[in-house]
Amino acid sequence: MQNLQYINNIFNYYNTSLFERKLPDVVFTLSRDSKMSGMFLADLWKKDGKQVHEIALNPDFINIYDVEFHQAIVHEMCHLEQHIFGKPGKSGYHNLEFSQIMERVGLQTSDTGTPDGFKTGRRMYDFVIDGGLFQKAFQKLQETGFEAMEVVPVKKQKVSRGRYSGKRKKYSCTCGVNVWGKTGLSLTCTVCQKKLIEN
C-alpha cells in the first residue's frame, strides 16, 4: 500500500483540508540522497511549457500510518506554498514566514523538535500543535480508516526534466505505477509485487 497512489491521495487530502486546494500537483520521487524524510525542489520539471515542482521522499521513512510521515508531506507542502505565494529563505533557510505557514496548518517548527527550540534555521524539525488543524485532519483519517480514503489514480504526467536534466530516472511497472528516482534503485511495486523496471 505504500505506493505513489496513496502518497498522491494523502497530498490531495491535506491540500483540501489544510491548504484550501490552492497548491498545484507535484511530481513525487523517491530518493535516499539525504537523511531527511523529504525535500521540496522547485521548478525541476516542465509540463505543457509550465514549471512543475517536485517533492522527493526518502523511502526509508514512508509509512502511511505514521503521523511523522504525514508531517513530512505537509512540511514539504508548506515549502510549496511559500515558493508560490511567499518569499522563501535563501539556500533552504526556514525563515519566519515559513514558520508562520506551518503554524497556520497546525505544525510548529523547531530546530530541536521540541517546544523550546528556535523556530527558524537551516535544519528544521517540527511537532504537532495540540488542537491544531493538522492534528484534527490526521485524527479524522485515523477515525475513518486509511483504507477508506478515496483512491484517485495517479495521472500520467508527460513531464520533461528541467535544470537537473538526467539526474532522475523513471521506473515503471506493468500495472501502470511510475516512480522517479536516482539510477540504480531496486524498487518493488506494492500494488502487484513486481519489480519496477528502470527506463
N, C-alpha and C. Protein backbone atom coordinates (compact mmCIF):
# COMPACT_ATOMS: atom_id res chain seq x y z
N MET A 1 0.81 -1.20 0.00
CA MET A 1 0.00 0.00 0.00
C MET A 1 0.85 1.26 0.00
N GLN A 2 2.10 1.14 0.35
CA GLN A 2 2.95 2.32 0.41
C GLN A 2 3.45 2.64 -0.99
N ASN A 3 2.58 3.16 -1.83
CA ASN A 3 2.94 3.48 -3.19
C ASN A 3 2.52 4.90 -3.51
N LEU A 4 2.84 5.32 -4.71
CA LEU A 4 2.61 6.70 -5.08
C LEU A 4 1.13 7.05 -5.17
N GLN A 5 0.26 6.06 -5.39
CA GLN A 5 -1.17 6.34 -5.38
C GLN A 5 -1.60 6.85 -4.02
N TYR A 6 -1.19 6.16 -2.96
CA TYR A 6 -1.56 6.58 -1.61
C TYR A 6 -0.90 7.90 -1.25
N ILE A 7 0.35 8.08 -1.65
CA ILE A 7 1.03 9.35 -1.37
C ILE A 7 0.32 10.50 -2.07
N ASN A 8 -0.09 10.28 -3.31
CA ASN A 8 -0.82 11.30 -4.04
C ASN A 8 -2.16 11.61 -3.37
N ASN A 9 -2.82 10.58 -2.87
CA ASN A 9 -4.10 10.78 -2.17
C ASN A 9 -3.92 11.53 -0.86
N ILE A 10 -2.83 11.23 -0.15
CA ILE A 10 -2.52 11.97 1.08
C ILE A 10 -2.28 13.44 0.76
N PHE A 11 -1.52 13.70 -0.30
CA PHE A 11 -1.27 15.07 -0.74
C PHE A 11 -2.60 15.78 -1.03
N ASN A 12 -3.48 15.13 -1.79
CA ASN A 12 -4.77 15.73 -2.13
C ASN A 12 -5.63 15.97 -0.90
N TYR A 13 -5.57 15.03 0.05
CA TYR A 13 -6.37 15.15 1.28
C TYR A 13 -5.94 16.40 2.06
N TYR A 14 -4.63 16.58 2.26
CA TYR A 14 -4.16 17.75 3.01
C TYR A 14 -4.27 19.03 2.20
N ASN A 15 -4.17 18.92 0.89
CA ASN A 15 -4.36 20.10 0.05
C ASN A 15 -5.77 20.66 0.26
N THR A 16 -6.74 19.75 0.43
CA THR A 16 -8.12 20.17 0.67
C THR A 16 -8.33 20.63 2.11
N SER A 17 -7.85 19.85 3.07
CA SER A 17 -8.18 20.13 4.48
C SER A 17 -7.31 21.22 5.11
N LEU A 18 -6.11 21.46 4.56
CA LEU A 18 -5.21 22.44 5.17
C LEU A 18 -4.86 23.62 4.27
N PHE A 19 -4.96 23.44 2.95
CA PHE A 19 -4.46 24.46 2.03
C PHE A 19 -5.53 25.00 1.07
N GLU A 20 -6.79 24.70 1.34
CA GLU A 20 -7.90 25.22 0.53
C GLU A 20 -7.74 24.90 -0.95
N ARG A 21 -7.10 23.79 -1.26
CA ARG A 21 -6.87 23.29 -2.62
C ARG A 21 -6.14 24.29 -3.52
N LYS A 22 -5.32 25.12 -2.93
CA LYS A 22 -4.63 26.13 -3.74
C LYS A 22 -3.25 25.68 -4.22
N LEU A 23 -2.80 24.50 -3.79
CA LEU A 23 -1.48 24.03 -4.21
C LEU A 23 -1.60 23.20 -5.49
N PRO A 24 -0.67 23.40 -6.43
CA PRO A 24 -0.71 22.63 -7.68
C PRO A 24 -0.18 21.22 -7.45
N ASP A 25 -0.49 20.32 -8.38
CA ASP A 25 0.06 18.97 -8.33
C ASP A 25 1.59 19.04 -8.44
N VAL A 26 2.24 18.06 -7.85
CA VAL A 26 3.69 17.98 -7.91
C VAL A 26 4.09 16.61 -8.44
N VAL A 27 5.34 16.48 -8.81
CA VAL A 27 5.91 15.18 -9.16
C VAL A 27 6.53 14.61 -7.90
N PHE A 28 6.12 13.41 -7.50
CA PHE A 28 6.72 12.73 -6.35
C PHE A 28 7.83 11.82 -6.84
N THR A 29 8.95 11.85 -6.14
CA THR A 29 10.05 10.95 -6.44
C THR A 29 10.52 10.30 -5.14
N LEU A 30 11.27 9.23 -5.28
CA LEU A 30 11.87 8.55 -4.13
C LEU A 30 13.38 8.71 -4.22
N SER A 31 13.99 9.08 -3.10
CA SER A 31 15.43 9.30 -3.11
C SER A 31 16.01 9.10 -1.72
N ARG A 32 17.14 8.39 -1.67
CA ARG A 32 17.88 8.24 -0.41
C ARG A 32 19.10 9.15 -0.41
N ASP A 33 19.09 10.20 -1.22
CA ASP A 33 20.24 11.09 -1.30
C ASP A 33 20.50 11.83 0.01
N SER A 34 19.51 11.89 0.86
CA SER A 34 19.63 12.67 2.09
C SER A 34 19.09 11.87 3.26
N LYS A 35 19.52 12.22 4.46
CA LYS A 35 18.99 11.59 5.66
C LYS A 35 17.63 12.18 6.03
N MET A 36 17.23 13.23 5.32
CA MET A 36 15.94 13.85 5.60
C MET A 36 14.81 12.96 5.09
N SER A 37 13.64 13.11 5.69
CA SER A 37 12.49 12.31 5.26
C SER A 37 11.89 12.82 3.97
N GLY A 38 12.06 14.12 3.68
CA GLY A 38 11.52 14.68 2.46
C GLY A 38 12.24 15.95 2.08
N MET A 39 12.02 16.37 0.82
CA MET A 39 12.66 17.58 0.34
C MET A 39 11.82 18.18 -0.78
N PHE A 40 11.62 19.50 -0.73
CA PHE A 40 10.92 20.22 -1.79
C PHE A 40 11.95 20.78 -2.77
N LEU A 41 11.72 20.53 -4.05
CA LEU A 41 12.61 21.01 -5.10
C LEU A 41 11.77 21.77 -6.13
N ALA A 42 12.04 23.05 -6.27
CA ALA A 42 11.23 23.91 -7.13
C ALA A 42 11.68 23.85 -8.58
N ASP A 43 10.70 23.89 -9.48
CA ASP A 43 10.93 24.09 -10.92
C ASP A 43 11.85 23.04 -11.55
N LEU A 44 11.75 21.79 -11.10
CA LEU A 44 12.63 20.75 -11.66
C LEU A 44 12.10 20.17 -12.96
N TRP A 45 10.81 20.26 -13.18
CA TRP A 45 10.18 19.59 -14.31
C TRP A 45 9.39 20.60 -15.13
N LYS A 46 9.07 20.19 -16.36
CA LYS A 46 8.22 21.01 -17.22
C LYS A 46 7.08 20.16 -17.76
N LYS A 47 5.87 20.74 -17.76
CA LYS A 47 4.70 20.08 -18.31
C LYS A 47 3.90 21.12 -19.08
N ASP A 48 3.69 20.86 -20.36
CA ASP A 48 2.95 21.80 -21.21
C ASP A 48 3.54 23.20 -21.14
N GLY A 49 4.86 23.27 -21.09
CA GLY A 49 5.53 24.56 -21.07
C GLY A 49 5.57 25.25 -19.72
N LYS A 50 5.00 24.64 -18.69
CA LYS A 50 4.96 25.24 -17.36
C LYS A 50 5.87 24.48 -16.41
N GLN A 51 6.42 25.20 -15.44
CA GLN A 51 7.28 24.58 -14.45
C GLN A 51 6.46 23.72 -13.49
N VAL A 52 6.97 22.57 -13.14
CA VAL A 52 6.33 21.66 -12.18
C VAL A 52 7.33 21.37 -11.07
N HIS A 53 6.86 21.38 -9.84
CA HIS A 53 7.73 21.20 -8.68
C HIS A 53 7.78 19.73 -8.26
N GLU A 54 8.78 19.40 -7.47
CA GLU A 54 8.99 18.02 -7.03
C GLU A 54 9.01 17.95 -5.51
N ILE A 55 8.43 16.89 -4.97
CA ILE A 55 8.64 16.52 -3.57
C ILE A 55 9.32 15.16 -3.58
N ALA A 56 10.56 15.14 -3.12
CA ALA A 56 11.32 13.89 -3.04
C ALA A 56 11.14 13.31 -1.64
N LEU A 57 10.80 12.04 -1.58
CA LEU A 57 10.58 11.36 -0.30
C LEU A 57 11.61 10.25 -0.13
N ASN A 58 12.13 10.14 1.07
CA ASN A 58 13.05 9.06 1.39
C ASN A 58 12.23 7.80 1.65
N PRO A 59 12.40 6.74 0.83
CA PRO A 59 11.58 5.54 1.00
C PRO A 59 11.74 4.87 2.36
N ASP A 60 12.85 5.14 3.06
CA ASP A 60 13.06 4.57 4.39
C ASP A 60 12.08 5.13 5.41
N PHE A 61 11.48 6.29 5.13
CA PHE A 61 10.58 6.95 6.07
C PHE A 61 9.11 6.79 5.69
N ILE A 62 8.82 6.13 4.56
CA ILE A 62 7.44 6.06 4.09
C ILE A 62 6.65 5.03 4.89
N ASN A 63 5.60 5.53 5.56
CA ASN A 63 4.66 4.68 6.30
C ASN A 63 3.36 5.47 6.41
N ILE A 64 2.36 5.10 5.62
CA ILE A 64 1.16 5.93 5.54
C ILE A 64 0.38 5.98 6.85
N TYR A 65 0.70 5.10 7.81
CA TYR A 65 0.01 5.11 9.09
C TYR A 65 0.74 5.95 10.15
N ASP A 66 1.94 6.41 9.84
CA ASP A 66 2.79 7.10 10.81
C ASP A 66 2.57 8.60 10.73
N VAL A 67 2.26 9.22 11.85
CA VAL A 67 1.99 10.66 11.87
C VAL A 67 3.21 11.45 11.39
N GLU A 68 4.42 10.97 11.67
CA GLU A 68 5.61 11.70 11.25
C GLU A 68 5.76 11.73 9.73
N PHE A 69 5.30 10.67 9.06
CA PHE A 69 5.33 10.67 7.60
C PHE A 69 4.36 11.72 7.06
N HIS A 70 3.18 11.82 7.68
CA HIS A 70 2.20 12.83 7.28
C HIS A 70 2.74 14.23 7.55
N GLN A 71 3.42 14.40 8.68
CA GLN A 71 4.06 15.69 8.97
C GLN A 71 5.07 16.05 7.89
N ALA A 72 5.84 15.06 7.45
CA ALA A 72 6.87 15.31 6.44
C ALA A 72 6.25 15.81 5.14
N ILE A 73 5.15 15.19 4.71
CA ILE A 73 4.48 15.62 3.49
C ILE A 73 3.95 17.04 3.64
N VAL A 74 3.29 17.33 4.77
CA VAL A 74 2.73 18.66 4.99
C VAL A 74 3.85 19.70 5.10
N HIS A 75 4.96 19.34 5.72
CA HIS A 75 6.11 20.23 5.80
C HIS A 75 6.56 20.66 4.40
N GLU A 76 6.67 19.68 3.50
CA GLU A 76 7.09 20.00 2.13
C GLU A 76 6.01 20.77 1.38
N MET A 77 4.74 20.53 1.71
CA MET A 77 3.65 21.29 1.10
C MET A 77 3.72 22.76 1.54
N CYS A 78 4.18 22.99 2.76
CA CYS A 78 4.35 24.38 3.23
C CYS A 78 5.47 25.07 2.45
N HIS A 79 6.53 24.32 2.13
CA HIS A 79 7.57 24.88 1.26
C HIS A 79 7.00 25.23 -0.11
N LEU A 80 6.13 24.35 -0.63
CA LEU A 80 5.49 24.60 -1.91
C LEU A 80 4.65 25.87 -1.86
N GLU A 81 3.84 26.03 -0.81
CA GLU A 81 3.02 27.24 -0.68
C GLU A 81 3.91 28.49 -0.62
N GLN A 82 4.96 28.43 0.19
CA GLN A 82 5.82 29.60 0.32
C GLN A 82 6.50 29.94 -1.00
N HIS A 83 6.91 28.92 -1.74
CA HIS A 83 7.57 29.17 -3.03
C HIS A 83 6.63 29.89 -3.99
N ILE A 84 5.35 29.51 -3.98
CA ILE A 84 4.40 30.09 -4.92
C ILE A 84 3.87 31.44 -4.46
N PHE A 85 3.56 31.55 -3.17
CA PHE A 85 2.86 32.74 -2.68
C PHE A 85 3.69 33.64 -1.77
N GLY A 86 4.85 33.18 -1.33
CA GLY A 86 5.62 33.95 -0.36
C GLY A 86 7.04 34.24 -0.80
N LYS A 87 7.92 34.39 0.17
CA LYS A 87 9.32 34.69 -0.07
C LYS A 87 10.19 33.72 0.72
N PRO A 88 10.59 32.60 0.06
CA PRO A 88 11.42 31.59 0.76
C PRO A 88 12.76 32.15 1.20
N GLY A 89 13.29 31.58 2.27
CA GLY A 89 14.63 31.94 2.71
C GLY A 89 15.67 31.43 1.73
N LYS A 90 16.85 32.01 1.76
CA LYS A 90 17.91 31.63 0.83
C LYS A 90 18.53 30.29 1.22
N SER A 91 18.81 29.50 0.20
CA SER A 91 19.53 28.21 0.36
C SER A 91 18.88 27.30 1.40
N GLY A 92 17.56 27.18 1.34
CA GLY A 92 16.86 26.25 2.22
C GLY A 92 16.66 26.73 3.64
N TYR A 93 16.93 28.01 3.90
CA TYR A 93 16.74 28.54 5.26
C TYR A 93 15.25 28.63 5.58
N HIS A 94 14.86 28.11 6.73
CA HIS A 94 13.47 28.17 7.19
C HIS A 94 13.26 29.50 7.92
N ASN A 95 12.67 30.46 7.23
CA ASN A 95 12.53 31.80 7.80
C ASN A 95 11.23 31.94 8.60
N LEU A 96 10.99 33.15 9.11
CA LEU A 96 9.81 33.39 9.95
C LEU A 96 8.52 33.17 9.18
N GLU A 97 8.49 33.57 7.92
CA GLU A 97 7.28 33.37 7.11
C GLU A 97 6.94 31.88 7.00
N PHE A 98 7.97 31.05 6.79
CA PHE A 98 7.74 29.61 6.72
C PHE A 98 7.18 29.08 8.04
N SER A 99 7.74 29.54 9.14
CA SER A 99 7.26 29.12 10.45
C SER A 99 5.79 29.49 10.64
N GLN A 100 5.41 30.65 10.15
CA GLN A 100 4.01 31.10 10.28
C GLN A 100 3.07 30.27 9.43
N ILE A 101 3.52 29.86 8.23
CA ILE A 101 2.71 28.98 7.38
C ILE A 101 2.51 27.65 8.09
N MET A 102 3.58 27.12 8.66
CA MET A 102 3.49 25.84 9.38
C MET A 102 2.53 25.95 10.56
N GLU A 103 2.64 27.03 11.31
CA GLU A 103 1.75 27.22 12.46
C GLU A 103 0.29 27.26 12.04
N ARG A 104 0.04 27.93 10.92
CA ARG A 104 -1.33 28.06 10.44
C ARG A 104 -1.97 26.69 10.17
N VAL A 105 -1.17 25.75 9.64
CA VAL A 105 -1.72 24.43 9.32
C VAL A 105 -1.62 23.46 10.50
N GLY A 106 -1.01 23.91 11.61
CA GLY A 106 -1.02 23.07 12.81
C GLY A 106 0.26 22.37 13.15
N LEU A 107 1.38 22.82 12.59
CA LEU A 107 2.69 22.27 12.92
C LEU A 107 3.60 23.40 13.40
N GLN A 108 4.45 23.11 14.36
CA GLN A 108 5.35 24.12 14.90
C GLN A 108 6.79 23.78 14.55
N THR A 109 7.48 24.71 13.90
CA THR A 109 8.89 24.50 13.57
C THR A 109 9.74 24.59 14.84
N SER A 110 10.81 23.83 14.84
CA SER A 110 11.74 23.83 15.98
C SER A 110 13.05 23.22 15.52
N ASP A 111 14.16 23.88 15.84
CA ASP A 111 15.45 23.33 15.42
C ASP A 111 15.85 22.11 16.24
N THR A 112 15.12 21.87 17.33
CA THR A 112 15.39 20.69 18.17
C THR A 112 14.26 19.66 18.10
N GLY A 113 13.11 20.06 17.54
CA GLY A 113 11.94 19.18 17.52
C GLY A 113 11.14 19.23 18.80
N THR A 114 11.50 20.16 19.69
CA THR A 114 10.80 20.32 20.97
C THR A 114 10.30 21.76 21.07
N PRO A 115 9.31 22.02 21.94
CA PRO A 115 8.73 23.37 22.04
C PRO A 115 9.72 24.47 22.39
N ASP A 116 10.84 24.14 23.01
CA ASP A 116 11.78 25.19 23.41
C ASP A 116 12.83 25.51 22.34
N GLY A 117 12.71 24.89 21.15
CA GLY A 117 13.69 25.11 20.09
C GLY A 117 13.44 26.41 19.33
N PHE A 118 14.43 26.83 18.56
CA PHE A 118 14.29 28.01 17.72
C PHE A 118 13.35 27.70 16.56
N LYS A 119 12.52 28.69 16.17
CA LYS A 119 11.52 28.48 15.12
C LYS A 119 12.08 28.65 13.72
N THR A 120 13.26 29.23 13.60
CA THR A 120 13.86 29.44 12.29
C THR A 120 15.26 28.84 12.27
N GLY A 121 15.73 28.52 11.07
CA GLY A 121 17.06 27.94 10.95
C GLY A 121 17.17 27.13 9.67
N ARG A 122 18.36 26.59 9.43
CA ARG A 122 18.58 25.83 8.20
C ARG A 122 18.00 24.42 8.30
N ARG A 123 18.40 23.67 9.31
CA ARG A 123 17.84 22.33 9.50
C ARG A 123 16.72 22.44 10.51
N MET A 124 15.52 22.04 10.10
CA MET A 124 14.35 22.30 10.93
C MET A 124 13.49 21.05 11.09
N TYR A 125 13.07 20.82 12.33
CA TYR A 125 12.13 19.76 12.64
C TYR A 125 10.77 20.42 12.92
N ASP A 126 9.80 19.61 13.25
CA ASP A 126 8.52 20.19 13.64
C ASP A 126 7.78 19.23 14.57
N PHE A 127 6.82 19.76 15.28
CA PHE A 127 5.96 18.92 16.13
C PHE A 127 4.52 19.37 15.96
N VAL A 128 3.61 18.48 16.32
CA VAL A 128 2.18 18.73 16.12
C VAL A 128 1.67 19.67 17.20
N ILE A 129 0.95 20.72 16.78
CA ILE A 129 0.32 21.65 17.72
C ILE A 129 -0.98 21.03 18.22
N ASP A 130 -1.09 20.90 19.53
CA ASP A 130 -2.28 20.30 20.13
C ASP A 130 -3.52 21.10 19.78
N GLY A 131 -4.52 20.43 19.19
CA GLY A 131 -5.75 21.10 18.81
C GLY A 131 -5.69 21.84 17.49
N GLY A 132 -4.55 21.77 16.78
CA GLY A 132 -4.38 22.47 15.51
C GLY A 132 -5.03 21.74 14.35
N LEU A 133 -5.01 22.39 13.19
CA LEU A 133 -5.66 21.84 12.00
C LEU A 133 -5.07 20.50 11.59
N PHE A 134 -3.74 20.39 11.63
CA PHE A 134 -3.12 19.13 11.22
C PHE A 134 -3.55 17.98 12.12
N GLN A 135 -3.53 18.19 13.41
CA GLN A 135 -3.92 17.13 14.35
C GLN A 135 -5.35 16.67 14.07
N LYS A 136 -6.25 17.62 13.83
CA LYS A 136 -7.65 17.27 13.56
C LYS A 136 -7.78 16.51 12.24
N ALA A 137 -7.04 16.94 11.23
CA ALA A 137 -7.11 16.27 9.93
C ALA A 137 -6.55 14.85 10.00
N PHE A 138 -5.44 14.68 10.72
CA PHE A 138 -4.84 13.36 10.85
C PHE A 138 -5.75 12.44 11.67
N GLN A 139 -6.35 12.98 12.74
CA GLN A 139 -7.26 12.17 13.56
C GLN A 139 -8.47 11.71 12.75
N LYS A 140 -8.94 12.58 11.86
CA LYS A 140 -10.07 12.21 11.01
C LYS A 140 -9.71 11.03 10.11
N LEU A 141 -8.49 11.05 9.57
CA LEU A 141 -8.03 9.92 8.76
C LEU A 141 -7.97 8.64 9.57
N GLN A 142 -7.50 8.75 10.81
CA GLN A 142 -7.42 7.58 11.68
C GLN A 142 -8.80 7.03 11.99
N GLU A 143 -9.76 7.92 12.23
CA GLU A 143 -11.12 7.51 12.59
C GLU A 143 -11.84 6.85 11.41
N THR A 144 -11.66 7.41 10.24
CA THR A 144 -12.35 6.85 9.07
C THR A 144 -11.61 5.65 8.50
N GLY A 145 -10.34 5.53 8.85
CA GLY A 145 -9.53 4.42 8.35
C GLY A 145 -8.84 4.80 7.07
N PHE A 146 -7.54 4.58 7.02
CA PHE A 146 -6.78 4.93 5.82
C PHE A 146 -7.25 4.12 4.62
N GLU A 147 -7.76 2.92 4.87
CA GLU A 147 -8.24 2.08 3.78
C GLU A 147 -9.45 2.71 3.10
N ALA A 148 -10.20 3.53 3.84
CA ALA A 148 -11.40 4.13 3.30
C ALA A 148 -11.13 5.40 2.51
N MET A 149 -9.86 5.86 2.52
CA MET A 149 -9.54 7.07 1.79
C MET A 149 -9.80 6.85 0.31
N GLU A 150 -10.43 7.84 -0.31
CA GLU A 150 -10.74 7.73 -1.73
C GLU A 150 -9.46 7.55 -2.53
N VAL A 151 -9.45 6.54 -3.38
CA VAL A 151 -8.28 6.27 -4.20
C VAL A 151 -8.47 6.92 -5.56
N VAL A 152 -7.69 7.93 -5.80
CA VAL A 152 -7.71 8.62 -7.10
C VAL A 152 -6.47 8.20 -7.85
N PRO A 153 -6.62 7.54 -8.99
CA PRO A 153 -5.43 7.09 -9.73
C PRO A 153 -4.50 8.24 -10.03
N VAL A 154 -3.20 7.97 -9.93
CA VAL A 154 -2.21 8.99 -10.26
C VAL A 154 -2.28 9.25 -11.76
N LYS A 155 -2.43 10.51 -12.11
CA LYS A 155 -2.50 10.87 -13.52
C LYS A 155 -1.12 10.68 -14.16
N LYS A 156 -1.14 10.13 -15.36
CA LYS A 156 0.11 10.00 -16.10
C LYS A 156 0.51 11.38 -16.60
N GLN A 157 1.62 11.87 -16.10
CA GLN A 157 2.08 13.20 -16.48
C GLN A 157 3.22 13.10 -17.47
N LYS A 158 3.08 13.81 -18.56
CA LYS A 158 4.18 13.92 -19.52
C LYS A 158 5.02 15.11 -19.10
N VAL A 159 6.08 14.81 -18.39
CA VAL A 159 6.95 15.87 -17.89
C VAL A 159 8.35 15.67 -18.44
N SER A 160 9.04 16.76 -18.64
CA SER A 160 10.43 16.70 -19.07
C SER A 160 11.31 17.28 -17.99
N ARG A 161 12.52 16.80 -17.92
CA ARG A 161 13.43 17.25 -16.87
C ARG A 161 13.88 18.68 -17.15
N GLY A 162 13.96 19.46 -16.07
CA GLY A 162 14.36 20.85 -16.20
C GLY A 162 15.84 21.01 -15.99
N ARG A 163 16.20 21.87 -15.03
CA ARG A 163 17.59 22.26 -14.86
C ARG A 163 18.48 21.15 -14.34
N TYR A 164 17.92 20.05 -13.82
CA TYR A 164 18.74 18.93 -13.37
C TYR A 164 18.61 17.76 -14.33
N SER A 165 18.65 18.04 -15.60
CA SER A 165 18.44 17.05 -16.65
C SER A 165 19.33 15.83 -16.46
N GLY A 166 18.69 14.65 -16.51
CA GLY A 166 19.42 13.39 -16.47
C GLY A 166 19.70 12.84 -15.10
N LYS A 167 19.39 13.56 -14.04
CA LYS A 167 19.69 13.07 -12.69
C LYS A 167 18.69 12.04 -12.22
N ARG A 168 17.45 12.15 -12.66
CA ARG A 168 16.40 11.26 -12.21
C ARG A 168 16.05 10.26 -13.31
N LYS A 169 15.76 9.04 -12.91
CA LYS A 169 15.35 8.01 -13.86
C LYS A 169 13.92 7.59 -13.54
N LYS A 170 13.22 7.18 -14.58
CA LYS A 170 11.85 6.72 -14.42
C LYS A 170 11.86 5.20 -14.27
N TYR A 171 11.12 4.72 -13.26
CA TYR A 171 10.94 3.28 -13.04
C TYR A 171 9.47 2.97 -13.27
N SER A 172 9.20 1.92 -14.03
CA SER A 172 7.81 1.61 -14.39
C SER A 172 7.47 0.18 -14.05
N CYS A 173 6.18 -0.01 -13.74
CA CYS A 173 5.63 -1.35 -13.50
C CYS A 173 4.59 -1.63 -14.58
N THR A 174 4.36 -2.89 -14.87
CA THR A 174 3.39 -3.25 -15.90
C THR A 174 1.96 -2.86 -15.52
N CYS A 175 1.71 -2.60 -14.23
CA CYS A 175 0.37 -2.21 -13.79
C CYS A 175 0.12 -0.71 -13.96
N GLY A 176 1.15 0.05 -14.37
CA GLY A 176 0.97 1.47 -14.61
C GLY A 176 1.57 2.39 -13.57
N VAL A 177 2.11 1.84 -12.48
CA VAL A 177 2.75 2.66 -11.45
C VAL A 177 4.11 3.12 -11.95
N ASN A 178 4.38 4.43 -11.81
CA ASN A 178 5.67 5.00 -12.20
C ASN A 178 6.29 5.71 -11.01
N VAL A 179 7.61 5.60 -10.90
CA VAL A 179 8.37 6.24 -9.83
C VAL A 179 9.60 6.87 -10.46
N TRP A 180 9.99 8.05 -9.95
CA TRP A 180 11.23 8.68 -10.41
C TRP A 180 12.22 8.71 -9.26
N GLY A 181 13.45 8.39 -9.56
CA GLY A 181 14.49 8.42 -8.55
C GLY A 181 15.85 8.31 -9.22
N LYS A 182 16.89 8.26 -8.39
CA LYS A 182 18.23 8.18 -8.97
C LYS A 182 18.44 6.80 -9.59
N THR A 183 19.38 6.70 -10.49
CA THR A 183 19.64 5.45 -11.18
C THR A 183 20.18 4.39 -10.22
N GLY A 184 19.86 3.13 -10.52
CA GLY A 184 20.39 2.01 -9.74
C GLY A 184 19.55 1.57 -8.57
N LEU A 185 18.34 2.16 -8.38
CA LEU A 185 17.48 1.76 -7.27
C LEU A 185 16.86 0.39 -7.53
N SER A 186 16.62 -0.36 -6.49
CA SER A 186 15.90 -1.63 -6.59
C SER A 186 14.54 -1.43 -5.94
N LEU A 187 13.48 -1.33 -6.77
CA LEU A 187 12.14 -0.99 -6.29
C LEU A 187 11.16 -2.08 -6.63
N THR A 188 10.24 -2.34 -5.70
CA THR A 188 9.18 -3.32 -5.92
C THR A 188 7.83 -2.63 -5.81
N CYS A 189 6.96 -2.89 -6.76
CA CYS A 189 5.62 -2.32 -6.76
C CYS A 189 4.80 -2.99 -5.67
N THR A 190 4.19 -2.20 -4.78
CA THR A 190 3.39 -2.77 -3.71
C THR A 190 1.96 -3.05 -4.14
N VAL A 191 1.63 -2.68 -5.39
CA VAL A 191 0.29 -3.00 -5.91
C VAL A 191 0.27 -4.44 -6.39
N CYS A 192 1.29 -4.83 -7.19
CA CYS A 192 1.27 -6.18 -7.77
C CYS A 192 2.51 -7.01 -7.42
N GLN A 193 3.39 -6.46 -6.58
CA GLN A 193 4.57 -7.16 -6.07
C GLN A 193 5.60 -7.48 -7.15
N LYS A 194 5.59 -6.76 -8.27
CA LYS A 194 6.58 -6.97 -9.31
C LYS A 194 7.68 -5.92 -9.20
N LYS A 195 8.86 -6.27 -9.74
CA LYS A 195 9.98 -5.34 -9.70
C LYS A 195 9.78 -4.25 -10.74
N LEU A 196 10.03 -2.99 -10.35
CA LEU A 196 9.93 -1.88 -11.28
C LEU A 196 11.15 -1.86 -12.18
N ILE A 197 10.93 -1.53 -13.43
CA ILE A 197 12.00 -1.54 -14.43
C ILE A 197 12.47 -0.11 -14.68
N GLU A 198 13.79 0.08 -14.61
CA GLU A 198 14.35 1.41 -14.88
C GLU A 198 14.34 1.68 -16.37
N ASN A 199 13.77 2.80 -16.77
CA ASN A 199 13.70 3.17 -18.20
C ASN A 199 14.98 3.91 -18.61
